[in-house]
Amino acid sequence: LIKTTVVPIDKISDVIGPGGRVIKGISKEFEV
């Protein structure tokens, strides 16, 4: 299953986080 959303360009770094910490955390917590 794939769903999409759009992140404003200036907010991409907030979603990724330092060294990818935030995006990796999302993937791990929600198993996605």
All heavy atoms as atom14 arrays in JSON, in Angstrom:
{
  "sequence": "LIKTTVVPIDKISDVIGPGGRVIKGISKEFEV",
  "atom14_mask": [
    [1, 1, 1, 1, 1, 1, 1, 1, 0, 0, 0, 0, 0, 0],
    [1, 1, 1, 1, 1, 1, 1, 1, 0, 0, 0, 0, 0, 0],
    [1, 1, 1, 1, 1, 1, 1, 1, 1, 0, 0, 0, 0, 0],
    [1, 1, 1, 1, 1, 1, 1, 0, 0, 0, 0, 0, 0, 0],
    [1, 1, 1, 1, 1, 1, 1, 0, 0, 0, 0, 0, 0, 0],
    [1, 1, 1, 1, 1, 1, 1, 0, 0, 0, 0, 0, 0, 0],
    [1, 1, 1, 1, 1, 1, 1, 0, 0, 0, 0, 0, 0, 0],
    [1, 1, 1, 1, 1, 1, 1, 0, 0, 0, 0, 0, 0, 0],
    [1, 1, 1, 1, 1, 1, 1, 1, 0, 0, 0, 0, 0, 0],
    [1, 1, 1, 1, 1, 1, 1, 1, 0, 0, 0, 0, 0, 0],
    [1, 1, 1, 1, 1, 1, 1, 1, 1, 0, 0, 0, 0, 0],
    [1, 1, 1, 1, 1, 1, 1, 1, 0, 0, 0, 0, 0, 0],
    [1, 1, 1, 1, 1, 1, 0, 0, 0, 0, 0, 0, 0, 0],
    [1, 1, 1, 1, 1, 1, 1, 1, 0, 0, 0, 0, 0, 0],
    [1, 1, 1, 1, 1, 1, 1, 0, 0, 0, 0, 0, 0, 0],
    [1, 1, 1, 1, 1, 1, 1, 1, 0, 0, 0, 0, 0, 0],
    [1, 1, 1, 1, 0, 0, 0, 0, 0, 0, 0, 0, 0, 0],
    [1, 1, 1, 1, 1, 1, 1, 0, 0, 0, 0, 0, 0, 0],
    [1, 1, 1, 1, 0, 0, 0, 0, 0, 0, 0, 0, 0, 0],
    [1, 1, 1, 1, 0, 0, 0, 0, 0, 0, 0, 0, 0, 0],
    [1, 1, 1, 1, 1, 1, 1, 1, 1, 1, 1, 0, 0, 0],
    [1, 1, 1, 1, 1, 1, 1, 0, 0, 0, 0, 0, 0, 0],
    [1, 1, 1, 1, 1, 1, 1, 1, 0, 0, 0, 0, 0, 0],
    [1, 1, 1, 1, 1, 1, 1, 1, 1, 0, 0, 0, 0, 0],
    [1, 1, 1, 1, 0, 0, 0, 0, 0, 0, 0, 0, 0, 0],
    [1, 1, 1, 1, 1, 1, 1, 1, 0, 0, 0, 0, 0, 0],
    [1, 1, 1, 1, 1, 1, 0, 0, 0, 0, 0, 0, 0, 0],
    [1, 1, 1, 1, 1, 1, 1, 1, 1, 0, 0, 0, 0, 0],
    [1, 1, 1, 1, 1, 1, 1, 1, 1, 0, 0, 0, 0, 0],
    [1, 1, 1, 1, 1, 1, 1, 1, 1, 1, 1, 0, 0, 0],
    [1, 1, 1, 1, 1, 1, 1, 1, 1, 0, 0, 0, 0, 0],
    [1, 1, 1, 1, 1, 1, 1, 0, 0, 0, 0, 0, 0, 0]
  ],
  "atom14_positions": [
    [[0.85, -1.19, 0.0], [0.0, 0.0, 0.0], [0.89, 1.23, 0.0], [1.89, 1.3, 0.73], [-0.89, 0.0, 1.24], [-1.83, -1.21, 1.39], [-2.45, -1.23, 2.78], [-2.91, -1.18, 0.32], [0.0, 0.0, 0.0], [0.0, 0.0, 0.0], [0.0, 0.0, 0.0], [0.0, 0.0, 0.0], [0.0, 0.0, 0.0], [0.0, 0.0, 0.0]],
    [[0.55, 2.21, -0.79], [1.32, 3.44, -0.85], [0.37, 4.62, -0.8], [-0.61, 4.69, -1.55], [2.19, 3.55, -2.12], [3.15, 2.36, -2.23], [2.98, 4.85, -2.13], [4.02, 2.39, -3.47], [0.0, 0.0, 0.0], [0.0, 0.0, 0.0], [0.0, 0.0, 0.0], [0.0, 0.0, 0.0], [0.0, 0.0, 0.0], [0.0, 0.0, 0.0]],
    [[0.64, 5.54, 0.12], [-0.09, 6.81, 0.17], [0.92, 7.95, 0.1], [2.09, 7.77, 0.46], [-0.94, 6.89, 1.43], [-2.1, 5.89, 1.45], [-3.11, 6.21, 2.54], [-4.31, 5.29, 2.44], [-5.36, 5.63, 3.44], [0.0, 0.0, 0.0], [0.0, 0.0, 0.0], [0.0, 0.0, 0.0], [0.0, 0.0, 0.0], [0.0, 0.0, 0.0]],
    [[0.44, 9.08, -0.35], [1.36, 10.2, -0.55], [0.87, 11.45, 0.17], [-0.31, 11.61, 0.45], [1.51, 10.54, -2.05], [0.24, 10.95, -2.57], [2.04, 9.37, -2.83], [0.0, 0.0, 0.0], [0.0, 0.0, 0.0], [0.0, 0.0, 0.0], [0.0, 0.0, 0.0], [0.0, 0.0, 0.0], [0.0, 0.0, 0.0], [0.0, 0.0, 0.0]],
    [[1.8, 12.29, 0.47], [1.53, 13.63, 0.96], [2.63, 14.53, 0.41], [3.66, 14.02, -0.09], [1.49, 13.68, 2.5], [1.06, 14.98, 2.93], [2.86, 13.38, 3.12], [0.0, 0.0, 0.0], [0.0, 0.0, 0.0], [0.0, 0.0, 0.0], [0.0, 0.0, 0.0], [0.0, 0.0, 0.0], [0.0, 0.0, 0.0], [0.0, 0.0, 0.0]],
    [[2.44, 15.81, 0.47], [3.45, 16.74, -0.05], [4.03, 17.55, 1.1], [3.29, 18.15, 1.89], [2.85, 17.68, -1.11], [3.9, 18.68, -1.58], [2.33, 16.88, -2.3], [0.0, 0.0, 0.0], [0.0, 0.0, 0.0], [0.0, 0.0, 0.0], [0.0, 0.0, 0.0], [0.0, 0.0, 0.0], [0.0, 0.0, 0.0], [0.0, 0.0, 0.0]],
    [[5.35, 17.53, 1.19], [6.06, 18.29, 2.21], [6.65, 19.55, 1.56], [7.32, 19.44, 0.53], [7.2, 17.44, 2.83], [8.04, 18.27, 3.78], [6.61, 16.22, 3.53], [0.0, 0.0, 0.0], [0.0, 0.0, 0.0], [0.0, 0.0, 0.0], [0.0, 0.0, 0.0], [0.0, 0.0, 0.0], [0.0, 0.0, 0.0], [0.0, 0.0, 0.0]],
    [[6.39, 20.73, 2.1], [7.01, 21.94, 1.54], [8.53, 21.79, 1.49], [9.13, 21.18, 2.39], [6.59, 23.04, 2.52], [5.33, 22.53, 3.16], [5.51, 21.05, 3.25], [0.0, 0.0, 0.0], [0.0, 0.0, 0.0], [0.0, 0.0, 0.0], [0.0, 0.0, 0.0], [0.0, 0.0, 0.0], [0.0, 0.0, 0.0], [0.0, 0.0, 0.0]],
    [[9.12, 22.33, 0.45], [10.57, 22.16, 0.25], [11.35, 22.6, 1.48], [12.32, 21.94, 1.89], [11.03, 22.96, -0.99], [10.24, 22.53, -2.24], [12.53, 22.76, -1.21], [10.41, 21.1, -2.64], [0.0, 0.0, 0.0], [0.0, 0.0, 0.0], [0.0, 0.0, 0.0], [0.0, 0.0, 0.0], [0.0, 0.0, 0.0], [0.0, 0.0, 0.0]],
    [[10.94, 23.72, 2.11], [11.7, 24.23, 3.26], [11.48, 23.41, 4.53], [12.13, 23.65, 5.55], [11.35, 25.7, 3.52], [9.87, 25.9, 3.83], [9.07, 25.01, 3.48], [9.52, 26.94, 4.43], [0.0, 0.0, 0.0], [0.0, 0.0, 0.0], [0.0, 0.0, 0.0], [0.0, 0.0, 0.0], [0.0, 0.0, 0.0], [0.0, 0.0, 0.0]],
    [[10.57, 22.41, 4.46], [10.31, 21.57, 5.63], [10.88, 20.16, 5.47], [10.77, 19.34, 6.39], [8.8, 21.46, 5.87], [8.13, 22.78, 6.23], [8.51, 23.23, 7.62], [7.76, 24.48, 8.03], [8.15, 24.92, 9.39], [0.0, 0.0, 0.0], [0.0, 0.0, 0.0], [0.0, 0.0, 0.0], [0.0, 0.0, 0.0], [0.0, 0.0, 0.0]],
    [[11.48, 19.87, 4.3], [12.0, 18.52, 4.06], [13.06, 18.14, 5.09], [13.08, 17.02, 5.61], [12.57, 18.42, 2.63], [11.42, 18.47, 1.6], [13.36, 17.12, 2.45], [11.87, 18.47, 0.16], [0.0, 0.0, 0.0], [0.0, 0.0, 0.0], [0.0, 0.0, 0.0], [0.0, 0.0, 0.0], [0.0, 0.0, 0.0], [0.0, 0.0, 0.0]],
    [[13.91, 19.09, 5.44], [14.97, 18.79, 6.41], [14.39, 18.44, 7.77], [14.98, 17.66, 8.52], [15.92, 19.99, 6.53], [15.21, 21.15, 6.93], [0.0, 0.0, 0.0], [0.0, 0.0, 0.0], [0.0, 0.0, 0.0], [0.0, 0.0, 0.0], [0.0, 0.0, 0.0], [0.0, 0.0, 0.0], [0.0, 0.0, 0.0], [0.0, 0.0, 0.0]],
    [[13.21, 19.01, 8.11], [12.58, 18.68, 9.39], [12.12, 17.22, 9.41], [12.18, 16.55, 10.45], [11.37, 19.59, 9.63], [11.77, 21.05, 9.82], [12.95, 21.3, 10.12], [10.91, 21.93, 9.66], [0.0, 0.0, 0.0], [0.0, 0.0, 0.0], [0.0, 0.0, 0.0], [0.0, 0.0, 0.0], [0.0, 0.0, 0.0], [0.0, 0.0, 0.0]],
    [[11.63, 16.74, 8.26], [11.15, 15.36, 8.18], [12.32, 14.37, 8.17], [12.23, 13.28, 8.74], [10.27, 15.16, 6.93], [9.78, 13.72, 6.83], [9.07, 16.1, 6.97], [0.0, 0.0, 0.0], [0.0, 0.0, 0.0], [0.0, 0.0, 0.0], [0.0, 0.0, 0.0], [0.0, 0.0, 0.0], [0.0, 0.0, 0.0], [0.0, 0.0, 0.0]],
    [[13.4, 14.76, 7.51], [14.56, 13.86, 7.44], [15.31, 13.85, 8.76], [15.66, 12.79, 9.29], [15.49, 14.28, 6.28], [14.76, 14.09, 4.94], [16.79, 13.48, 6.32], [15.51, 14.59, 3.75], [0.0, 0.0, 0.0], [0.0, 0.0, 0.0], [0.0, 0.0, 0.0], [0.0, 0.0, 0.0], [0.0, 0.0, 0.0], [0.0, 0.0, 0.0]],
    [[15.56, 15.05, 9.31], [16.27, 15.14, 10.58], [17.76, 14.98, 10.43], [18.26, 14.56, 9.38], [0.0, 0.0, 0.0], [0.0, 0.0, 0.0], [0.0, 0.0, 0.0], [0.0, 0.0, 0.0], [0.0, 0.0, 0.0], [0.0, 0.0, 0.0], [0.0, 0.0, 0.0], [0.0, 0.0, 0.0], [0.0, 0.0, 0.0], [0.0, 0.0, 0.0]],
    [[18.51, 15.29, 11.48], [19.98, 15.18, 11.43], [20.42, 13.75, 11.16], [20.05, 12.84, 11.9], [20.42, 15.64, 12.83], [19.25, 16.39, 13.39], [18.03, 15.79, 12.78], [0.0, 0.0, 0.0], [0.0, 0.0, 0.0], [0.0, 0.0, 0.0], [0.0, 0.0, 0.0], [0.0, 0.0, 0.0], [0.0, 0.0, 0.0], [0.0, 0.0, 0.0]],
    [[21.16, 13.54, 10.07], [21.63, 12.2, 9.73], [20.52, 11.23, 9.42], [20.72, 10.01, 9.49], [0.0, 0.0, 0.0], [0.0, 0.0, 0.0], [0.0, 0.0, 0.0], [0.0, 0.0, 0.0], [0.0, 0.0, 0.0], [0.0, 0.0, 0.0], [0.0, 0.0, 0.0], [0.0, 0.0, 0.0], [0.0, 0.0, 0.0], [0.0, 0.0, 0.0]],
    [[19.33, 11.75, 9.08], [18.19, 10.89, 8.76], [17.5, 10.32, 9.98], [16.69, 9.4, 9.88], [0.0, 0.0, 0.0], [0.0, 0.0, 0.0], [0.0, 0.0, 0.0], [0.0, 0.0, 0.0], [0.0, 0.0, 0.0], [0.0, 0.0, 0.0], [0.0, 0.0, 0.0], [0.0, 0.0, 0.0], [0.0, 0.0, 0.0], [0.0, 0.0, 0.0]],
    [[17.79, 10.9, 11.16], [17.27, 10.33, 12.41], [15.74, 10.34, 12.47], [15.12, 9.36, 12.87], [17.84, 11.11, 13.6], [17.34, 10.63, 14.95], [18.18, 11.22, 16.08], [18.21, 12.67, 16.02], [17.27, 13.47, 16.56], [16.25, 12.92, 17.2], [17.37, 14.77, 16.48], [0.0, 0.0, 0.0], [0.0, 0.0, 0.0], [0.0, 0.0, 0.0]],
    [[15.12, 11.44, 12.0], [13.67, 11.55, 12.11], [12.97, 10.58, 11.16], [12.07, 9.84, 11.56], [13.22, 13.0, 11.82], [11.68, 13.08, 11.82], [13.79, 13.95, 12.87], [0.0, 0.0, 0.0], [0.0, 0.0, 0.0], [0.0, 0.0, 0.0], [0.0, 0.0, 0.0], [0.0, 0.0, 0.0], [0.0, 0.0, 0.0], [0.0, 0.0, 0.0]],
    [[13.4, 10.57, 9.91], [12.73, 9.71, 8.92], [12.94, 8.23, 9.25], [12.04, 7.41, 9.06], [13.2, 10.07, 7.49], [12.22, 9.5, 6.46], [14.61, 9.58, 7.21], [12.45, 10.02, 5.05], [0.0, 0.0, 0.0], [0.0, 0.0, 0.0], [0.0, 0.0, 0.0], [0.0, 0.0, 0.0], [0.0, 0.0, 0.0], [0.0, 0.0, 0.0]],
    [[14.11, 7.9, 9.75], [14.36, 6.52, 10.16], [13.48, 6.15, 11.36], [12.97, 5.02, 11.46], [15.83, 6.33, 10.52], [16.77, 6.35, 9.33], [18.22, 6.26, 9.77], [19.18, 6.38, 8.58], [20.59, 6.39, 9.02], [0.0, 0.0, 0.0], [0.0, 0.0, 0.0], [0.0, 0.0, 0.0], [0.0, 0.0, 0.0], [0.0, 0.0, 0.0]],
    [[13.29, 7.1, 12.25], [12.45, 6.86, 13.42], [11.0, 6.62, 13.03], [10.32, 5.76, 13.6], [0.0, 0.0, 0.0], [0.0, 0.0, 0.0], [0.0, 0.0, 0.0], [0.0, 0.0, 0.0], [0.0, 0.0, 0.0], [0.0, 0.0, 0.0], [0.0, 0.0, 0.0], [0.0, 0.0, 0.0], [0.0, 0.0, 0.0], [0.0, 0.0, 0.0]],
    [[10.52, 7.4, 12.04], [9.15, 7.21, 11.56], [8.99, 5.81, 10.96], [8.02, 5.1, 11.24], [8.79, 8.28, 10.51], [8.8, 9.68, 11.14], [7.43, 8.0, 9.88], [8.7, 10.81, 10.13], [0.0, 0.0, 0.0], [0.0, 0.0, 0.0], [0.0, 0.0, 0.0], [0.0, 0.0, 0.0], [0.0, 0.0, 0.0], [0.0, 0.0, 0.0]],
    [[9.97, 5.41, 10.13], [9.91, 4.09, 9.49], [9.89, 2.98, 10.52], [9.13, 2.01, 10.4], [11.1, 3.92, 8.54], [11.05, 4.84, 7.49], [0.0, 0.0, 0.0], [0.0, 0.0, 0.0], [0.0, 0.0, 0.0], [0.0, 0.0, 0.0], [0.0, 0.0, 0.0], [0.0, 0.0, 0.0], [0.0, 0.0, 0.0], [0.0, 0.0, 0.0]],
    [[10.71, 3.13, 11.55], [10.81, 2.08, 12.56], [9.56, 2.02, 13.44], [9.02, 0.94, 13.7], [12.05, 2.32, 13.42], [12.32, 1.21, 14.44], [13.61, 1.46, 15.19], [13.89, 0.34, 16.19], [15.16, 0.57, 16.92], [0.0, 0.0, 0.0], [0.0, 0.0, 0.0], [0.0, 0.0, 0.0], [0.0, 0.0, 0.0], [0.0, 0.0, 0.0]],
    [[9.08, 3.19, 13.86], [7.94, 3.23, 14.77], [6.66, 2.7, 14.12], [5.89, 1.96, 14.74], [7.7, 4.66, 15.26], [6.53, 4.77, 16.22], [6.32, 6.19, 16.74], [7.21, 7.05, 16.51], [5.27, 6.43, 17.38], [0.0, 0.0, 0.0], [0.0, 0.0, 0.0], [0.0, 0.0, 0.0], [0.0, 0.0, 0.0], [0.0, 0.0, 0.0]],
    [[6.44, 3.06, 12.84], [5.19, 2.69, 12.19], [5.33, 1.5, 11.22], [4.36, 1.12, 10.57], [4.63, 3.9, 11.42], [4.28, 5.06, 12.31], [5.12, 6.17, 12.37], [3.16, 5.03, 13.11], [4.81, 7.24, 13.19], [2.84, 6.1, 13.93], [3.68, 7.21, 13.98], [0.0, 0.0, 0.0], [0.0, 0.0, 0.0], [0.0, 0.0, 0.0]],
    [[6.54, 0.94, 11.12], [6.81, -0.21, 10.24], [6.41, 0.1, 8.8], [5.65, -0.63, 8.15], [6.08, -1.46, 10.75], [6.54, -1.89, 12.13], [5.82, -3.13, 12.63], [4.77, -3.48, 12.04], [6.28, -3.74, 13.6], [0.0, 0.0, 0.0], [0.0, 0.0, 0.0], [0.0, 0.0, 0.0], [0.0, 0.0, 0.0], [0.0, 0.0, 0.0]],
    [[6.93, 1.21, 8.3], [6.65, 1.66, 6.93], [7.96, 2.09, 6.28], [9.0, 2.2, 6.94], [5.65, 2.83, 6.9], [4.3, 2.4, 7.43], [6.19, 4.03, 7.68], [0.0, 0.0, 0.0], [0.0, 0.0, 0.0], [0.0, 0.0, 0.0], [0.0, 0.0, 0.0], [0.0, 0.0, 0.0], [0.0, 0.0, 0.0], [0.0, 0.0, 0.0]]
  ]
}
